[in-house]
Amino acid sequence: MNICLNMADPMFVNAPCYKNNIKGWLSDIELKWLYLTAKEMESIVEIGSWKGRSTDALLSGCKGTVWAVDHFMGNEGLRDGVCHEAMEKDVSKIFIANVGHYNNLKLLKMDSLEAAELFGDNSIDMVFIDAGHIYNEIKNDILAWLPKTKKVFCGHDYRIRSDVKKAVDELLGKIYLVPSIWIKLI
């Protein structure tokens, strides 16, 4: 497994940039890391896909299946703020318009914990979590999805959301960071 954990690594620096124009919160550096890491995977589950910004990077890199898990209702604590759009529009239609053309996409329009029951332990190469950002949501996602993961367990917003940092630190110990993506190698 050839996973880049240092942004100064020539493997990362010399790799072509990866960008897309889908609205979302991941930086171009984070998208590049997801794309490069996905190239090393045969199966990926993304928890929280929203409009597909990170999903596009994962689908572009991974030649195998990428399962996108999202109920498209937004985060409970953010529905009045950045996720208010879920109350006005069908975000899943925007998601499909952005990434529905990929043949390796499998959409699971459901809650993360419900979706976790569909996968066996050690059955997925990589899991990327960027769904609920409240402590108990993150904690439950980690507990549900870590056993399913064979190679790379990661998620977003470590440096941005204190609840994410708290849950990750308590449950995972030593991690790597790529701006605000936390990474645990299995």
C-alpha atoms as a PDB file:
ATOM      1  CA  MET A   1       0.000   0.000   0.000  1.00  0.00           C
ATOM      2  CA  ASN A   2       1.494   3.290  -1.093  1.00  0.00           C
ATOM      3  CA  ILE A   3      -0.358   5.936   0.951  1.00  0.00           C
ATOM      4  CA  CYS A   4       1.107   9.429   1.186  1.00  0.00           C
ATOM      5  CA  LEU A   5       0.980  10.815   4.728  1.00  0.00           C
ATOM      6  CA  ASN A   6       3.333  13.770   4.264  1.00  0.00           C
ATOM      7  CA  MET A   7       2.431  16.599   1.901  1.00  0.00           C
ATOM      8  CA  ALA A   8       6.143  17.287   1.344  1.00  0.00           C
ATOM      9  CA  ASP A   9       6.639  13.741   0.044  1.00  0.00           C
ATOM     10  CA  PRO A  10       7.710  13.859  -3.630  1.00  0.00           C
ATOM     11  CA  MET A  11       5.007  11.276  -4.389  1.00  0.00           C
ATOM     12  CA  PHE A  12       2.385  13.836  -3.342  1.00  0.00           C
ATOM     13  CA  VAL A  13       4.146  16.968  -4.595  1.00  0.00           C
ATOM     14  CA  ASN A  14       4.846  15.517  -8.046  1.00  0.00           C
ATOM     15  CA  ALA A  15       1.427  13.942  -8.505  1.00  0.00           C
ATOM     16  CA  PRO A  16      -0.910  15.793 -10.844  1.00  0.00           C
ATOM     17  CA  CYS A  17      -3.418  18.086  -9.187  1.00  0.00           C
ATOM     18  CA  TYR A  18      -6.954  16.897  -8.756  1.00  0.00           C
ATOM     19  CA  LYS A  19      -9.760  19.474  -8.739  1.00  0.00           C
ATOM     20  CA  ASN A  20     -13.470  19.631  -9.364  1.00  0.00           C
ATOM     21  CA  ASN A  21     -16.025  22.423  -9.365  1.00  0.00           C
ATOM     22  CA  ILE A  22     -18.539  20.735  -7.073  1.00  0.00           C
ATOM     23  CA  LYS A  23     -19.447  22.915  -4.109  1.00  0.00           C
ATOM     24  CA  GLY A  24     -18.276  21.594  -0.763  1.00  0.00           C
ATOM     25  CA  TRP A  25     -15.873  22.068   2.104  1.00  0.00           C
ATOM     26  CA  LEU A  26     -12.788  20.024   1.207  1.00  0.00           C
ATOM     27  CA  SER A  27      -9.711  21.914   0.040  1.00  0.00           C
ATOM     28  CA  ASP A  28      -7.953  21.095  -3.229  1.00  0.00           C
ATOM     29  CA  ILE A  29      -5.090  19.512  -1.255  1.00  0.00           C
ATOM     30  CA  GLU A  30      -7.566  17.277   0.571  1.00  0.00           C
ATOM     31  CA  LEU A  31      -9.240  16.339  -2.716  1.00  0.00           C
ATOM     32  CA  LYS A  32      -5.851  15.444  -4.178  1.00  0.00           C
ATOM     33  CA  TRP A  33      -5.081  13.224  -1.178  1.00  0.00           C
ATOM     34  CA  LEU A  34      -8.447  11.459  -1.495  1.00  0.00           C
ATOM     35  CA  TYR A  35      -7.927  10.915  -5.217  1.00  0.00           C
ATOM     36  CA  LEU A  36      -4.374   9.536  -4.807  1.00  0.00           C
ATOM     37  CA  THR A  37      -5.373   7.314  -1.902  1.00  0.00           C
ATOM     38  CA  ALA A  38      -8.438   6.031  -3.766  1.00  0.00           C
ATOM     39  CA  LYS A  39      -6.133   4.888  -6.579  1.00  0.00           C
ATOM     40  CA  GLU A  40      -4.687   2.358  -4.115  1.00  0.00           C
ATOM     41  CA  MET A  41      -8.113   0.974  -3.113  1.00  0.00           C
ATOM     42  CA  GLU A  42     -10.523  -1.551  -4.610  1.00  0.00           C
ATOM     43  CA  SER A  43     -13.475  -0.650  -2.382  1.00  0.00           C
ATOM     44  CA  ILE A  44     -14.441   2.533  -0.544  1.00  0.00           C
ATOM     45  CA  VAL A  45     -17.355   3.630   1.607  1.00  0.00           C
ATOM     46  CA  GLU A  46     -17.913   7.354   2.008  1.00  0.00           C
ATOM     47  CA  ILE A  47     -20.113   8.351   4.928  1.00  0.00           C
ATOM     48  CA  GLY A  48     -21.616  11.762   4.127  1.00  0.00           C
ATOM     49  CA  SER A  49     -21.467  12.658   0.447  1.00  0.00           C
ATOM     50  CA  TRP A  50     -23.671  15.781   0.242  1.00  0.00           C
ATOM     51  CA  LYS A  51     -23.277  17.213  -3.273  1.00  0.00           C
ATOM     52  CA  GLY A  52     -20.430  14.878  -4.239  1.00  0.00           C
ATOM     53  CA  ARG A  53     -17.259  16.993  -4.002  1.00  0.00           C
ATOM     54  CA  SER A  54     -15.260  14.328  -2.156  1.00  0.00           C
ATOM     55  CA  THR A  55     -17.208  11.518  -3.833  1.00  0.00           C
ATOM     56  CA  ASP A  56     -15.974  12.700  -7.235  1.00  0.00           C
ATOM     57  CA  ALA A  57     -12.342  12.441  -6.080  1.00  0.00           C
ATOM     58  CA  LEU A  58     -12.923   8.949  -4.669  1.00  0.00           C
ATOM     59  CA  LEU A  59     -14.779   7.743  -7.778  1.00  0.00           C
ATOM     60  CA  SER A  60     -12.138   9.193 -10.103  1.00  0.00           C
ATOM     61  CA  GLY A  61      -9.341   7.385  -8.280  1.00  0.00           C
ATOM     62  CA  CYS A  62     -10.877   4.050  -7.302  1.00  0.00           C
ATOM     63  CA  LYS A  63     -11.355   1.478 -10.061  1.00  0.00           C
ATOM     64  CA  GLY A  64     -13.570  -0.623  -7.791  1.00  0.00           C
ATOM     65  CA  THR A  65     -16.836   0.209  -6.070  1.00  0.00           C
ATOM     66  CA  VAL A  66     -17.407   3.399  -4.101  1.00  0.00           C
ATOM     67  CA  TRP A  67     -20.468   3.330  -1.865  1.00  0.00           C
ATOM     68  CA  ALA A  68     -21.805   6.794  -1.032  1.00  0.00           C
ATOM     69  CA  VAL A  69     -23.844   6.745   2.179  1.00  0.00           C
ATOM     70  CA  ASP A  70     -26.002   9.797   2.877  1.00  0.00           C
ATOM     71  CA  HIS A  71     -29.592  10.510   3.866  1.00  0.00           C
ATOM     72  CA  PHE A  72     -29.212  14.001   2.302  1.00  0.00           C
ATOM     73  CA  MET A  73     -30.994  15.747   5.155  1.00  0.00           C
ATOM     74  CA  GLY A  74     -27.886  17.577   6.342  1.00  0.00           C
ATOM     75  CA  ASN A  75     -26.256  17.482   9.733  1.00  0.00           C
ATOM     76  CA  GLU A  76     -28.610  17.764  12.687  1.00  0.00           C
ATOM     77  CA  GLY A  77     -26.635  20.569  14.324  1.00  0.00           C
ATOM     78  CA  LEU A  78     -26.175  22.495  11.068  1.00  0.00           C
ATOM     79  CA  ARG A  79     -29.637  22.373   9.440  1.00  0.00           C
ATOM     80  CA  ASP A  80     -30.350  25.998  10.273  1.00  0.00           C
ATOM     81  CA  GLY A  81     -26.929  27.064   8.973  1.00  0.00           C
ATOM     82  CA  VAL A  82     -24.846  25.582   6.174  1.00  0.00           C
ATOM     83  CA  CYS A  83     -27.212  22.641   5.670  1.00  0.00           C
ATOM     84  CA  HIS A  84     -30.407  24.679   5.367  1.00  0.00           C
ATOM     85  CA  GLU A  85     -30.434  23.748   1.689  1.00  0.00           C
ATOM     86  CA  ALA A  86     -31.661  20.252   2.626  1.00  0.00           C
ATOM     87  CA  MET A  87     -34.898  21.823   3.855  1.00  0.00           C
ATOM     88  CA  GLU A  88     -35.459  23.623   0.529  1.00  0.00           C
ATOM     89  CA  LYS A  89     -34.110  21.225  -2.133  1.00  0.00           C
ATOM     90  CA  ASP A  90     -33.596  17.551  -2.831  1.00  0.00           C
ATOM     91  CA  VAL A  91     -29.811  17.488  -2.391  1.00  0.00           C
ATOM     92  CA  SER A  92     -29.682  13.875  -3.601  1.00  0.00           C
ATOM     93  CA  LYS A  93     -30.694  15.119  -7.083  1.00  0.00           C
ATOM     94  CA  ILE A  94     -27.777  17.569  -7.051  1.00  0.00           C
ATOM     95  CA  PHE A  95     -25.500  14.710  -5.963  1.00  0.00           C
ATOM     96  CA  ILE A  96     -26.704  12.499  -8.843  1.00  0.00           C
ATOM     97  CA  ALA A  97     -26.285  15.358 -11.336  1.00  0.00           C
ATOM     98  CA  ASN A  98     -22.685  15.797 -10.146  1.00  0.00           C
ATOM     99  CA  VAL A  99     -21.491  12.180  -9.891  1.00  0.00           C
ATOM    100  CA  GLY A 100     -24.267   9.906 -11.135  1.00  0.00           C
ATOM    101  CA  HIS A 101     -22.406   9.223 -14.376  1.00  0.00           C
ATOM    102  CA  TYR A 102     -19.726   7.085 -12.679  1.00  0.00           C
ATOM    103  CA  ASN A 103     -20.161   3.348 -13.257  1.00  0.00           C
ATOM    104  CA  ASN A 104     -18.460   2.456  -9.966  1.00  0.00           C
ATOM    105  CA  LEU A 105     -20.903   4.453  -7.799  1.00  0.00           C
ATOM    106  CA  LYS A 106     -23.341   2.693  -5.475  1.00  0.00           C
ATOM    107  CA  LEU A 107     -25.617   5.089  -3.596  1.00  0.00           C
ATOM    108  CA  LEU A 108     -27.036   4.070  -0.238  1.00  0.00           C
ATOM    109  CA  LYS A 109     -29.579   6.759   0.614  1.00  0.00           C
ATOM    110  CA  MET A 110     -29.845   5.990   4.312  1.00  0.00           C
ATOM    111  CA  ASP A 111     -28.431   6.623   7.747  1.00  0.00           C
ATOM    112  CA  SER A 112     -24.798   5.668   8.326  1.00  0.00           C
ATOM    113  CA  LEU A 113     -25.473   3.192  11.133  1.00  0.00           C
ATOM    114  CA  GLU A 114     -28.181   1.479   9.090  1.00  0.00           C
ATOM    115  CA  ALA A 115     -25.755   1.171   6.149  1.00  0.00           C
ATOM    116  CA  ALA A 116     -22.982  -0.237   8.357  1.00  0.00           C
ATOM    117  CA  GLU A 117     -25.153  -3.291   9.014  1.00  0.00           C
ATOM    118  CA  LEU A 118     -24.947  -4.151   5.288  1.00  0.00           C
ATOM    119  CA  PHE A 119     -21.162  -4.696   5.377  1.00  0.00           C
ATOM    120  CA  GLY A 120     -19.144  -7.459   6.995  1.00  0.00           C
ATOM    121  CA  ASP A 121     -16.083  -6.870   9.144  1.00  0.00           C
ATOM    122  CA  ASN A 122     -12.843  -6.273   7.174  1.00  0.00           C
ATOM    123  CA  SER A 123     -14.823  -6.011   3.935  1.00  0.00           C
ATOM    124  CA  ILE A 124     -13.946  -2.476   2.759  1.00  0.00           C
ATOM    125  CA  ASP A 125     -10.466  -1.180   1.879  1.00  0.00           C
ATOM    126  CA  MET A 126     -11.157   2.437   2.864  1.00  0.00           C
ATOM    127  CA  VAL A 127     -13.819   4.282   4.826  1.00  0.00           C
ATOM    128  CA  PHE A 128     -14.053   8.090   4.702  1.00  0.00           C
ATOM    129  CA  ILE A 129     -16.331   9.753   7.278  1.00  0.00           C
ATOM    130  CA  ASP A 130     -17.686  13.260   6.756  1.00  0.00           C
ATOM    131  CA  ALA A 131     -21.274  13.051   7.978  1.00  0.00           C
ATOM    132  CA  GLY A 132     -22.517  14.056  11.427  1.00  0.00           C
ATOM    133  CA  HIS A 133     -20.246  16.464  13.277  1.00  0.00           C
ATOM    134  CA  ILE A 134     -21.713  16.189  16.775  1.00  0.00           C
ATOM    135  CA  TYR A 135     -19.626  14.114  19.208  1.00  0.00           C
ATOM    136  CA  ASN A 136     -22.063  11.185  19.527  1.00  0.00           C
ATOM    137  CA  GLU A 137     -22.590  11.041  15.747  1.00  0.00           C
ATOM    138  CA  ILE A 138     -18.846  10.857  15.096  1.00  0.00           C
ATOM    139  CA  LYS A 139     -18.292   8.376  17.915  1.00  0.00           C
ATOM    140  CA  ASN A 140     -21.072   6.108  16.629  1.00  0.00           C
ATOM    141  CA  ASP A 141     -19.770   6.294  13.050  1.00  0.00           C
ATOM    142  CA  ILE A 142     -16.246   5.372  14.187  1.00  0.00           C
ATOM    143  CA  LEU A 143     -17.488   2.459  16.274  1.00  0.00           C
ATOM    144  CA  ALA A 144     -19.732   1.190  13.468  1.00  0.00           C
ATOM    145  CA  TRP A 145     -17.302   1.537  10.562  1.00  0.00           C
ATOM    146  CA  LEU A 146     -13.824   0.852  11.991  1.00  0.00           C
ATOM    147  CA  PRO A 147     -14.424  -2.928  12.119  1.00  0.00           C
ATOM    148  CA  LYS A 148     -15.506  -2.851   8.450  1.00  0.00           C
ATOM    149  CA  THR A 149     -12.201  -1.324   7.315  1.00  0.00           C
ATOM    150  CA  LYS A 150      -9.175  -3.266   5.980  1.00  0.00           C
ATOM    151  CA  LYS A 151      -6.631  -0.563   5.059  1.00  0.00           C
ATOM    152  CA  VAL A 152      -7.417   3.149   5.576  1.00  0.00           C
ATOM    153  CA  PHE A 153      -9.926   4.626   8.024  1.00  0.00           C
ATOM    154  CA  CYS A 154     -10.243   8.381   7.702  1.00  0.00           C
ATOM    155  CA  GLY A 155     -12.536  11.371   7.905  1.00  0.00           C
ATOM    156  CA  HIS A 156     -12.811  15.124   7.632  1.00  0.00           C
ATOM    157  CA  ASP A 157     -12.968  18.188   9.904  1.00  0.00           C
ATOM    158  CA  TYR A 158     -10.435  17.173  12.573  1.00  0.00           C
ATOM    159  CA  ARG A 159      -8.977  20.684  12.779  1.00  0.00           C
ATOM    160  CA  ILE A 160     -12.321  22.401  12.233  1.00  0.00           C
ATOM    161  CA  ARG A 161     -14.791  20.735  14.606  1.00  0.00           C
ATOM    162  CA  SER A 162     -13.881  20.139  18.256  1.00  0.00           C
ATOM    163  CA  ASP A 163     -16.363  17.255  18.550  1.00  0.00           C
ATOM    164  CA  VAL A 164     -14.669  15.456  15.645  1.00  0.00           C
ATOM    165  CA  LYS A 165     -11.242  15.918  17.236  1.00  0.00           C
ATOM    166  CA  LYS A 166     -12.494  14.713  20.626  1.00  0.00           C
ATOM    167  CA  ALA A 167     -14.096  11.522  19.260  1.00  0.00           C
ATOM    168  CA  VAL A 168     -11.152  10.689  16.984  1.00  0.00           C
ATOM    169  CA  ASP A 169      -8.587  11.248  19.753  1.00  0.00           C
ATOM    170  CA  GLU A 170     -10.543   9.164  22.266  1.00  0.00           C
ATOM    171  CA  LEU A 171     -11.198   6.218  19.978  1.00  0.00           C
ATOM    172  CA  LEU A 172      -8.309   6.030  17.517  1.00  0.00           C
ATOM    173  CA  GLY A 173      -5.095   7.130  19.235  1.00  0.00           C
ATOM    174  CA  LYS A 174      -2.270   8.006  16.853  1.00  0.00           C
ATOM    175  CA  ILE A 175      -3.493   9.425  13.561  1.00  0.00           C
ATOM    176  CA  TYR A 176      -2.020  11.293  10.609  1.00  0.00           C
ATOM    177  CA  LEU A 177      -3.391  14.580   9.277  1.00  0.00           C
ATOM    178  CA  VAL A 178      -3.688  15.958   5.757  1.00  0.00           C
ATOM    179  CA  PRO A 179      -4.870  19.459   6.476  1.00  0.00           C
ATOM    180  CA  SER A 180      -8.108  18.508   8.236  1.00  0.00           C
ATOM    181  CA  ILE A 181      -8.447  14.881   7.115  1.00  0.00           C
ATOM    182  CA  TRP A 182      -7.631  12.461   9.928  1.00  0.00           C
ATOM    183  CA  ILE A 183      -6.122   9.155   8.866  1.00  0.00           C
ATOM    184  CA  LYS A 184      -5.762   5.854  10.710  1.00  0.00           C
ATOM    185  CA  LEU A 185      -3.896   3.089   8.900  1.00  0.00           C
ATOM    186  CA  ILE A 186      -5.197  -0.385   9.687  1.00  0.00           C
END
